[in-house]
Amino acid sequence: MKIFRPTADNTPTDFLNPLGEDRNEAKGEIRGEAPFVEQERRQFDLIKANESDQARFQTKKLQYSNYQIINFTLYPSSSAATQSYYNASFNEATAVGSPLTDGIMFGQNGPTAGIDNSEAKYYNIVYANLRYGVPTDGYILESPSFAEFYLMQKLAGGGNTLGGKIPRQIESVASGTTIQAISVDGTRDGVQSFGLDIYNENSYYSQTNQLVGMRSLGIALKQIQINLSANEVLSSIFLRGEIAIDLSTEGNNY
């Protein structure tokens, strides 16, 4: 009878039992992917399949549109004076880091819930327009008639105010030789703002995939210039406007 004696140089068959089974393989285990891995995959697929329409709606705000229009009416003056023009500047001396006045802030309830710029939301503005609201007398709007607005950001520490001015994000220098002066700095020119031509209704549009709009948590008045064909009571003058934002760009950061 031949007796098997273990040696230091065992062959792979030495690890098989007399029935040819691998001694290192658990009894009853199926070769391939472990059952718990397949179970986790099934559970994950089920979660994705069961995502409700309401959850999708809350995530995107609107199921079939990411375009939200904010309408407003602006009465620039409470004066009872009668004249054929109106010209006023706003927030001109307001420094960066200080709150703006006379504006609209996004994603924040008020005034009942209060105003807090730390709770407001940033969005990309993709369209803006402003038109002259015709008073009872219906005098004709003349050129130039326009309005300018500062873009708005959160303030350090928040506070029960509107946000503040957004500084220009790149360096810029000015040089003039045949003109009296040109400025790119200061509380008026060193910050971001935009203008709308009321007379021609020359609206702002963001129309390309590369141009994603102006990021801001609101707008505040910079200047209003209105010219009329005849005298009008200033308190009767009003402007109607709309701002369109991309809801998918909502965020807490600039």
C-alpha atoms as a PDB file:
ATOM      1  CA  MET A   1       0.000   0.000   0.000  1.00  0.00           C
ATOM      2  CA  LYS A   2       1.310   3.458  -0.953  1.00  0.00           C
ATOM      3  CA  ILE A   3       1.192   5.988   1.887  1.00  0.00           C
ATOM      4  CA  PHE A   4       0.800   9.730   1.095  1.00  0.00           C
ATOM      5  CA  ARG A   5       3.329  11.840   2.868  1.00  0.00           C
ATOM      6  CA  PRO A   6       3.024  15.674   2.820  1.00  0.00           C
ATOM      7  CA  THR A   7       5.930  17.521   1.273  1.00  0.00           C
ATOM      8  CA  ALA A   8       6.960  21.181   1.057  1.00  0.00           C
ATOM      9  CA  ASP A   9       6.137  21.182  -2.633  1.00  0.00           C
ATOM     10  CA  ASN A  10       2.435  20.382  -2.662  1.00  0.00           C
ATOM     11  CA  THR A  11       0.558  20.548  -5.926  1.00  0.00           C
ATOM     12  CA  PRO A  12      -2.793  22.389  -6.307  1.00  0.00           C
ATOM     13  CA  THR A  13      -4.608  19.052  -6.133  1.00  0.00           C
ATOM     14  CA  ASP A  14      -3.348  18.524  -2.598  1.00  0.00           C
ATOM     15  CA  PHE A  15      -5.951  21.109  -1.422  1.00  0.00           C
ATOM     16  CA  LEU A  16      -8.879  19.161  -2.835  1.00  0.00           C
ATOM     17  CA  ASN A  17     -10.747  16.677  -0.734  1.00  0.00           C
ATOM     18  CA  PRO A  18     -11.388  13.149  -2.119  1.00  0.00           C
ATOM     19  CA  LEU A  19     -14.573  14.459  -3.842  1.00  0.00           C
ATOM     20  CA  GLY A  20     -12.605  17.125  -5.726  1.00  0.00           C
ATOM     21  CA  GLU A  21     -14.083  20.103  -3.762  1.00  0.00           C
ATOM     22  CA  ASP A  22     -12.081  23.136  -2.827  1.00  0.00           C
ATOM     23  CA  ARG A  23     -11.576  23.134   0.946  1.00  0.00           C
ATOM     24  CA  ASN A  24     -11.279  26.968   0.958  1.00  0.00           C
ATOM     25  CA  GLU A  25     -14.746  27.457  -0.555  1.00  0.00           C
ATOM     26  CA  ALA A  26     -17.662  27.872   1.849  1.00  0.00           C
ATOM     27  CA  LYS A  27     -20.241  25.129   1.707  1.00  0.00           C
ATOM     28  CA  GLY A  28     -23.294  26.032  -0.353  1.00  0.00           C
ATOM     29  CA  GLU A  29     -21.828  29.348  -1.586  1.00  0.00           C
ATOM     30  CA  ILE A  30     -22.528  30.279  -5.192  1.00  0.00           C
ATOM     31  CA  ARG A  31     -19.495  31.267  -7.204  1.00  0.00           C
ATOM     32  CA  GLY A  32     -19.583  34.912  -8.480  1.00  0.00           C
ATOM     33  CA  GLU A  33     -21.194  38.031  -6.888  1.00  0.00           C
ATOM     34  CA  ALA A  34     -22.110  37.756  -3.216  1.00  0.00           C
ATOM     35  CA  PRO A  35     -25.889  37.730  -2.499  1.00  0.00           C
ATOM     36  CA  PHE A  36     -25.766  40.849  -0.251  1.00  0.00           C
ATOM     37  CA  VAL A  37     -24.226  42.908  -3.068  1.00  0.00           C
ATOM     38  CA  GLU A  38     -27.066  41.973  -5.402  1.00  0.00           C
ATOM     39  CA  GLN A  39     -29.588  42.794  -2.670  1.00  0.00           C
ATOM     40  CA  GLU A  40     -28.115  46.260  -2.143  1.00  0.00           C
ATOM     41  CA  ARG A  41     -28.252  46.894  -5.875  1.00  0.00           C
ATOM     42  CA  ARG A  42     -31.918  45.914  -6.005  1.00  0.00           C
ATOM     43  CA  GLN A  43     -32.736  48.210  -3.068  1.00  0.00           C
ATOM     44  CA  PHE A  44     -30.941  51.143  -4.712  1.00  0.00           C
ATOM     45  CA  ASP A  45     -32.790  50.592  -7.984  1.00  0.00           C
ATOM     46  CA  LEU A  46     -36.073  50.472  -6.069  1.00  0.00           C
ATOM     47  CA  ILE A  47     -35.356  53.794  -4.359  1.00  0.00           C
ATOM     48  CA  LYS A  48     -34.668  55.465  -7.702  1.00  0.00           C
ATOM     49  CA  ALA A  49     -37.781  53.944  -9.254  1.00  0.00           C
ATOM     50  CA  ASN A  50     -39.985  55.095  -6.372  1.00  0.00           C
ATOM     51  CA  GLU A  51     -38.856  58.741  -6.410  1.00  0.00           C
ATOM     52  CA  SER A  52     -42.114  60.673  -6.381  1.00  0.00           C
ATOM     53  CA  ASP A  53     -43.207  63.369  -8.806  1.00  0.00           C
ATOM     54  CA  GLN A  54     -43.557  65.697  -5.829  1.00  0.00           C
ATOM     55  CA  ALA A  55     -39.910  65.177  -4.883  1.00  0.00           C
ATOM     56  CA  ARG A  56     -38.855  66.041  -8.413  1.00  0.00           C
ATOM     57  CA  PHE A  57     -41.081  69.116  -8.314  1.00  0.00           C
ATOM     58  CA  GLN A  58     -39.547  70.305  -5.042  1.00  0.00           C
ATOM     59  CA  THR A  59     -36.055  69.776  -6.386  1.00  0.00           C
ATOM     60  CA  LYS A  60     -36.618  71.728  -9.597  1.00  0.00           C
ATOM     61  CA  LYS A  61     -39.326  74.086  -8.233  1.00  0.00           C
ATOM     62  CA  LEU A  62     -41.214  73.589 -11.492  1.00  0.00           C
ATOM     63  CA  GLN A  63     -41.465  70.273 -13.307  1.00  0.00           C
ATOM     64  CA  TYR A  64     -41.432  71.605 -16.853  1.00  0.00           C
ATOM     65  CA  SER A  65     -39.770  75.014 -16.559  1.00  0.00           C
ATOM     66  CA  ASN A  66     -36.773  76.528 -14.787  1.00  0.00           C
ATOM     67  CA  TYR A  67     -37.830  80.048 -15.889  1.00  0.00           C
ATOM     68  CA  GLN A  68     -39.404  82.232 -13.180  1.00  0.00           C
ATOM     69  CA  ILE A  69     -40.631  85.790 -13.769  1.00  0.00           C
ATOM     70  CA  ILE A  70     -40.718  88.346 -10.940  1.00  0.00           C
ATOM     71  CA  ASN A  71     -43.037  91.268 -11.711  1.00  0.00           C
ATOM     72  CA  PHE A  72     -42.951  94.612  -9.928  1.00  0.00           C
ATOM     73  CA  THR A  73     -44.374  98.134 -10.092  1.00  0.00           C
ATOM     74  CA  LEU A  74     -42.155 101.060  -9.108  1.00  0.00           C
ATOM     75  CA  TYR A  75     -43.389 104.518  -8.055  1.00  0.00           C
ATOM     76  CA  PRO A  76     -40.180 106.588  -7.909  1.00  0.00           C
ATOM     77  CA  SER A  77     -41.581 109.759  -6.330  1.00  0.00           C
ATOM     78  CA  SER A  78     -44.248 110.794  -3.832  1.00  0.00           C
ATOM     79  CA  SER A  79     -43.900 114.462  -4.769  1.00  0.00           C
ATOM     80  CA  ALA A  80     -46.977 116.466  -5.792  1.00  0.00           C
ATOM     81  CA  ALA A  81     -44.814 118.685  -7.978  1.00  0.00           C
ATOM     82  CA  THR A  82     -45.617 118.927 -11.683  1.00  0.00           C
ATOM     83  CA  GLN A  83     -42.841 118.753 -14.273  1.00  0.00           C
ATOM     84  CA  SER A  84     -41.917 117.074 -17.546  1.00  0.00           C
ATOM     85  CA  TYR A  85     -38.967 115.088 -16.230  1.00  0.00           C
ATOM     86  CA  TYR A  86     -37.765 113.037 -13.280  1.00  0.00           C
ATOM     87  CA  ASN A  87     -34.125 112.352 -12.475  1.00  0.00           C
ATOM     88  CA  ALA A  88     -32.803 110.777  -9.277  1.00  0.00           C
ATOM     89  CA  SER A  89     -29.806 108.775  -8.081  1.00  0.00           C
ATOM     90  CA  PHE A  90     -29.982 106.068  -5.418  1.00  0.00           C
ATOM     91  CA  ASN A  91     -27.396 104.290  -3.243  1.00  0.00           C
ATOM     92  CA  GLU A  92     -24.560 106.186  -4.938  1.00  0.00           C
ATOM     93  CA  ALA A  93     -22.477 106.679  -1.781  1.00  0.00           C
ATOM     94  CA  THR A  94     -23.262 103.249  -0.314  1.00  0.00           C
ATOM     95  CA  ALA A  95     -19.964 101.442   0.220  1.00  0.00           C
ATOM     96  CA  VAL A  96     -19.327  97.761  -0.470  1.00  0.00           C
ATOM     97  CA  GLY A  97     -20.273  95.860   2.680  1.00  0.00           C
ATOM     98  CA  SER A  98     -23.094  98.253   3.587  1.00  0.00           C
ATOM     99  CA  PRO A  99     -26.783  97.541   2.920  1.00  0.00           C
ATOM    100  CA  LEU A 100     -28.537  98.904  -0.142  1.00  0.00           C
ATOM    101  CA  THR A 101     -32.001 100.468  -0.083  1.00  0.00           C
ATOM    102  CA  ASP A 102     -34.871 100.696  -2.575  1.00  0.00           C
ATOM    103  CA  GLY A 103     -34.691  97.275  -4.154  1.00  0.00           C
ATOM    104  CA  ILE A 104     -35.982  93.731  -4.519  1.00  0.00           C
ATOM    105  CA  MET A 105     -34.430  90.637  -2.944  1.00  0.00           C
ATOM    106  CA  PHE A 106     -34.948  87.046  -4.137  1.00  0.00           C
ATOM    107  CA  GLY A 107     -35.886  83.930  -2.154  1.00  0.00           C
ATOM    108  CA  GLN A 108     -36.807  85.848   0.989  1.00  0.00           C
ATOM    109  CA  ASN A 109     -40.300  86.411   2.374  1.00  0.00           C
ATOM    110  CA  GLY A 110     -41.281  89.803   3.688  1.00  0.00           C
ATOM    111  CA  PRO A 111     -42.208  92.204   5.030  1.00  0.00           C
ATOM    112  CA  THR A 112     -44.349  90.179   7.484  1.00  0.00           C
ATOM    113  CA  ALA A 113     -41.621  87.554   7.881  1.00  0.00           C
ATOM    114  CA  GLY A 114     -38.990  90.270   7.933  1.00  0.00           C
ATOM    115  CA  ILE A 115     -36.084  90.961   5.604  1.00  0.00           C
ATOM    116  CA  ASP A 116     -32.779  89.146   6.141  1.00  0.00           C
ATOM    117  CA  ASN A 117     -30.177  89.121   3.390  1.00  0.00           C
ATOM    118  CA  SER A 118     -28.527  86.023   4.890  1.00  0.00           C
ATOM    119  CA  GLU A 119     -31.699  84.061   4.086  1.00  0.00           C
ATOM    120  CA  ALA A 120     -31.985  85.318   0.503  1.00  0.00           C
ATOM    121  CA  LYS A 121     -31.018  83.091  -2.440  1.00  0.00           C
ATOM    122  CA  TYR A 122     -28.723  83.758  -5.383  1.00  0.00           C
ATOM    123  CA  TYR A 123     -30.114  83.215  -8.883  1.00  0.00           C
ATOM    124  CA  ASN A 124     -28.870  83.969 -12.381  1.00  0.00           C
ATOM    125  CA  ILE A 125     -30.874  86.793 -13.986  1.00  0.00           C
ATOM    126  CA  VAL A 126     -31.433  85.912 -17.636  1.00  0.00           C
ATOM    127  CA  TYR A 127     -33.905  88.643 -18.648  1.00  0.00           C
ATOM    128  CA  ALA A 128     -34.983  92.074 -17.409  1.00  0.00           C
ATOM    129  CA  ASN A 129     -37.295  94.738 -18.806  1.00  0.00           C
ATOM    130  CA  LEU A 130     -38.836  98.016 -17.676  1.00  0.00           C
ATOM    131  CA  ARG A 131     -41.632 100.056 -19.262  1.00  0.00           C
ATOM    132  CA  TYR A 132     -43.353 103.333 -18.523  1.00  0.00           C
ATOM    133  CA  GLY A 133     -46.711 102.983 -16.836  1.00  0.00           C
ATOM    134  CA  VAL A 134     -49.011 105.473 -18.543  1.00  0.00           C
ATOM    135  CA  PRO A 135     -50.782 107.758 -16.020  1.00  0.00           C
ATOM    136  CA  THR A 136     -54.324 109.077 -16.571  1.00  0.00           C
ATOM    137  CA  ASP A 137     -53.099 111.986 -18.682  1.00  0.00           C
ATOM    138  CA  GLY A 138     -51.107 109.625 -20.908  1.00  0.00           C
ATOM    139  CA  TYR A 139     -48.278 111.966 -21.799  1.00  0.00           C
ATOM    140  CA  ILE A 140     -45.753 110.584 -24.267  1.00  0.00           C
ATOM    141  CA  LEU A 141     -42.437 109.271 -23.007  1.00  0.00           C
ATOM    142  CA  GLU A 142     -39.406 110.978 -24.504  1.00  0.00           C
ATOM    143  CA  SER A 143     -35.764 109.935 -24.922  1.00  0.00           C
ATOM    144  CA  PRO A 144     -33.532 109.548 -22.988  1.00  0.00           C
ATOM    145  CA  SER A 145     -35.493 107.581 -20.402  1.00  0.00           C
ATOM    146  CA  PHE A 146     -33.745 104.763 -18.572  1.00  0.00           C
ATOM    147  CA  ALA A 147     -33.162 103.081 -15.220  1.00  0.00           C
ATOM    148  CA  GLU A 148     -30.070 101.491 -13.688  1.00  0.00           C
ATOM    149  CA  PHE A 149     -29.829  98.832 -10.976  1.00  0.00           C
ATOM    150  CA  TYR A 150     -27.088  97.510  -8.718  1.00  0.00           C
ATOM    151  CA  LEU A 151     -26.650  93.761  -8.404  1.00  0.00           C
ATOM    152  CA  MET A 152     -26.816  92.510  -4.834  1.00  0.00           C
ATOM    153  CA  GLN A 153     -24.892  90.097  -2.588  1.00  0.00           C
ATOM    154  CA  LYS A 154     -25.160  88.880   1.006  1.00  0.00           C
ATOM    155  CA  LEU A 155     -23.538  90.907   3.756  1.00  0.00           C
ATOM    156  CA  ALA A 156     -21.157  89.502   6.352  1.00  0.00           C
ATOM    157  CA  GLY A 157     -23.228  88.643   9.397  1.00  0.00           C
ATOM    158  CA  GLY A 158     -26.514  89.008   7.525  1.00  0.00           C
ATOM    159  CA  GLY A 159     -28.959  91.460   9.035  1.00  0.00           C
ATOM    160  CA  ASN A 160     -32.510  92.705   8.545  1.00  0.00           C
ATOM    161  CA  THR A 161     -31.644  94.680   5.430  1.00  0.00           C
ATOM    162  CA  LEU A 162     -31.273  94.268   1.713  1.00  0.00           C
ATOM    163  CA  GLY A 163     -27.926  92.936   0.493  1.00  0.00           C
ATOM    164  CA  GLY A 164     -24.932  94.992  -0.578  1.00  0.00           C
ATOM    165  CA  LYS A 165     -23.140  95.939  -3.774  1.00  0.00           C
ATOM    166  CA  ILE A 166     -21.076  93.338  -5.646  1.00  0.00           C
ATOM    167  CA  PRO A 167     -17.544  94.518  -6.461  1.00  0.00           C
ATOM    168  CA  ARG A 168     -16.191  93.995  -9.943  1.00  0.00           C
ATOM    169  CA  GLN A 169     -14.579  90.550 -10.094  1.00  0.00           C
ATOM    170  CA  ILE A 170     -11.678  91.464 -12.402  1.00  0.00           C
ATOM    171  CA  GLU A 171      -9.075  94.222 -12.501  1.00  0.00           C
ATOM    172  CA  SER A 172      -9.840  97.238 -14.687  1.00  0.00           C
ATOM    173  CA  VAL A 173      -8.005 100.465 -15.429  1.00  0.00           C
ATOM    174  CA  ALA A 174      -9.063 103.666 -17.172  1.00  0.00           C
ATOM    175  CA  SER A 175      -7.105 106.052 -19.382  1.00  0.00           C
ATOM    176  CA  GLY A 176      -8.364 109.207 -21.029  1.00  0.00           C
ATOM    177  CA  THR A 177      -6.475 111.822 -23.033  1.00  0.00           C
ATOM    178  CA  THR A 178      -9.043 113.714 -25.106  1.00  0.00           C
ATOM    179  CA  ILE A 179     -11.889 113.599 -22.589  1.00  0.00           C
ATOM    180  CA  GLN A 180     -12.353 115.319 -19.261  1.00  0.00           C
ATOM    181  CA  ALA A 181     -12.409 112.138 -17.157  1.00  0.00           C
ATOM    182  CA  ILE A 182     -13.261 108.437 -17.108  1.00  0.00           C
ATOM    183  CA  SER A 183     -13.712 106.302 -13.980  1.00  0.00           C
ATOM    184  CA  VAL A 184     -13.861 102.575 -13.285  1.00  0.00           C
ATOM    185  CA  ASP A 185     -13.572 102.746  -9.478  1.00  0.00           C
ATOM    186  CA  GLY A 186     -15.505 103.912  -6.466  1.00  0.00           C
ATOM    187  CA  THR A 187     -18.931 103.127  -5.045  1.00  0.00           C
ATOM    188  CA  ARG A 188     -20.629 103.853  -8.378  1.00  0.00           C
ATOM    189  CA  ASP A 189     -18.293 102.477 -11.055  1.00  0.00           C
ATOM    190  CA  GLY A 190     -16.259  99.899  -9.132  1.00  0.00           C
ATOM    191  CA  VAL A 191     -19.279  97.675  -8.543  1.00  0.00           C
ATOM    192  CA  GLN A 192     -21.623  95.698 -10.785  1.00  0.00           C
ATOM    193  CA  SER A 193     -24.788  97.257 -12.179  1.00  0.00           C
ATOM    194  CA  PHE A 194     -26.864  97.211 -15.354  1.00  0.00           C
ATOM    195  CA  GLY A 195     -29.191  99.571 -17.187  1.00  0.00           C
ATOM    196  CA  LEU A 196     -32.508  99.294 -19.013  1.00  0.00           C
ATOM    197  CA  ASP A 197     -33.690 101.649 -21.754  1.00  0.00           C
ATOM    198  CA  ILE A 198     -37.296 102.501 -20.858  1.00  0.00           C
ATOM    199  CA  TYR A 199     -37.925 104.548 -23.995  1.00  0.00           C
ATOM    200  CA  ASN A 200     -36.992 101.788 -26.451  1.00  0.00           C
ATOM    201  CA  GLU A 201     -37.716  98.905 -24.067  1.00  0.00           C
ATOM    202  CA  ASN A 202     -34.248  97.632 -24.882  1.00  0.00           C
ATOM    203  CA  SER A 203     -34.354  94.596 -22.616  1.00  0.00           C
ATOM    204  CA  TYR A 204     -31.499  92.536 -21.217  1.00  0.00           C
ATOM    205  CA  TYR A 205     -31.400  88.920 -22.422  1.00  0.00           C
ATOM    206  CA  SER A 206     -29.051  86.026 -21.775  1.00  0.00           C
ATOM    207  CA  GLN A 207     -29.397  84.135 -25.034  1.00  0.00           C
ATOM    208  CA  THR A 208     -26.488  81.704 -25.387  1.00  0.00           C
ATOM    209  CA  ASN A 209     -25.446  78.535 -23.606  1.00  0.00           C
ATOM    210  CA  GLN A 210     -22.149  80.149 -22.666  1.00  0.00           C
ATOM    211  CA  LEU A 211     -23.777  83.260 -21.176  1.00  0.00           C
ATOM    212  CA  VAL A 212     -25.595  82.084 -18.055  1.00  0.00           C
ATOM    213  CA  GLY A 213     -26.853  85.428 -16.794  1.00  0.00           C
ATOM    214  CA  MET A 214     -26.075  87.892 -13.996  1.00  0.00           C
ATOM    215  CA  ARG A 215     -25.729  86.226 -10.597  1.00  0.00           C
ATOM    216  CA  SER A 216     -27.387  88.159  -7.819  1.00  0.00           C
ATOM    217  CA  LEU A 217     -29.727  87.809  -4.852  1.00  0.00           C
ATOM    218  CA  GLY A 218     -31.619  90.946  -5.847  1.00  0.00           C
ATOM    219  CA  ILE A 219     -31.464  94.368  -7.467  1.00  0.00           C
ATOM    220  CA  ALA A 220     -31.413  97.894  -6.015  1.00  0.00           C
ATOM    221  CA  LEU A 221     -31.964 101.225  -7.723  1.00  0.00           C
ATOM    222  CA  LYS A 222     -28.974 103.186  -9.025  1.00  0.00           C
ATOM    223  CA  GLN A 223     -30.578 105.877 -11.202  1.00  0.00           C
ATOM    224  CA  ILE A 224     -33.873 106.747 -12.893  1.00  0.00           C
ATOM    225  CA  GLN A 225     -34.149 109.244 -15.752  1.00  0.00           C
ATOM    226  CA  ILE A 226     -37.602 109.925 -17.241  1.00  0.00           C
ATOM    227  CA  ASN A 227     -38.456 112.565 -19.838  1.00  0.00           C
ATOM    228  CA  LEU A 228     -42.037 113.386 -20.854  1.00  0.00           C
ATOM    229  CA  SER A 229     -43.629 115.414 -23.642  1.00  0.00           C
ATOM    230  CA  ALA A 230     -45.591 117.531 -21.125  1.00  0.00           C
ATOM    231  CA  ASN A 231     -45.791 118.245 -17.412  1.00  0.00           C
ATOM    232  CA  GLU A 232     -46.971 115.448 -15.145  1.00  0.00           C
ATOM    233  CA  VAL A 233     -47.568 115.081 -11.413  1.00  0.00           C
ATOM    234  CA  LEU A 234     -44.500 113.169 -10.238  1.00  0.00           C
ATOM    235  CA  SER A 235     -46.417 110.966  -7.799  1.00  0.00           C
ATOM    236  CA  SER A 236     -48.518 109.624 -10.697  1.00  0.00           C
ATOM    237  CA  ILE A 237     -45.475 108.345 -12.613  1.00  0.00           C
ATOM    238  CA  PHE A 238     -44.798 104.637 -12.293  1.00  0.00           C
ATOM    239  CA  LEU A 239     -42.770 101.944 -14.002  1.00  0.00           C
ATOM    240  CA  ARG A 240     -43.670  98.309 -14.593  1.00  0.00           C
ATOM    241  CA  GLY A 241     -40.910  95.750 -14.768  1.00  0.00           C
ATOM    242  CA  GLU A 242     -40.141  92.077 -14.887  1.00  0.00           C
ATOM    243  CA  ILE A 243     -37.056  90.083 -14.019  1.00  0.00           C
ATOM    244  CA  ALA A 244     -36.631  86.481 -15.159  1.00  0.00           C
ATOM    245  CA  ILE A 245     -34.380  84.102 -13.242  1.00  0.00           C
ATOM    246  CA  ASP A 246     -33.126  80.569 -13.863  1.00  0.00           C
ATOM    247  CA  LEU A 247     -34.472  78.495 -10.957  1.00  0.00           C
ATOM    248  CA  SER A 248     -31.902  75.761 -11.481  1.00  0.00           C
ATOM    249  CA  THR A 249     -29.139  78.226 -10.474  1.00  0.00           C
ATOM    250  CA  GLU A 250     -30.460  78.727  -6.910  1.00  0.00           C
ATOM    251  CA  GLY A 251     -27.737  78.791  -4.300  1.00  0.00           C
ATOM    252  CA  ASN A 252     -26.374  80.371  -1.148  1.00  0.00           C
ATOM    253  CA  ASN A 253     -23.080  81.456  -2.708  1.00  0.00           C
ATOM    254  CA  TYR A 254     -22.131  83.979  -5.372  1.00  0.00           C
END
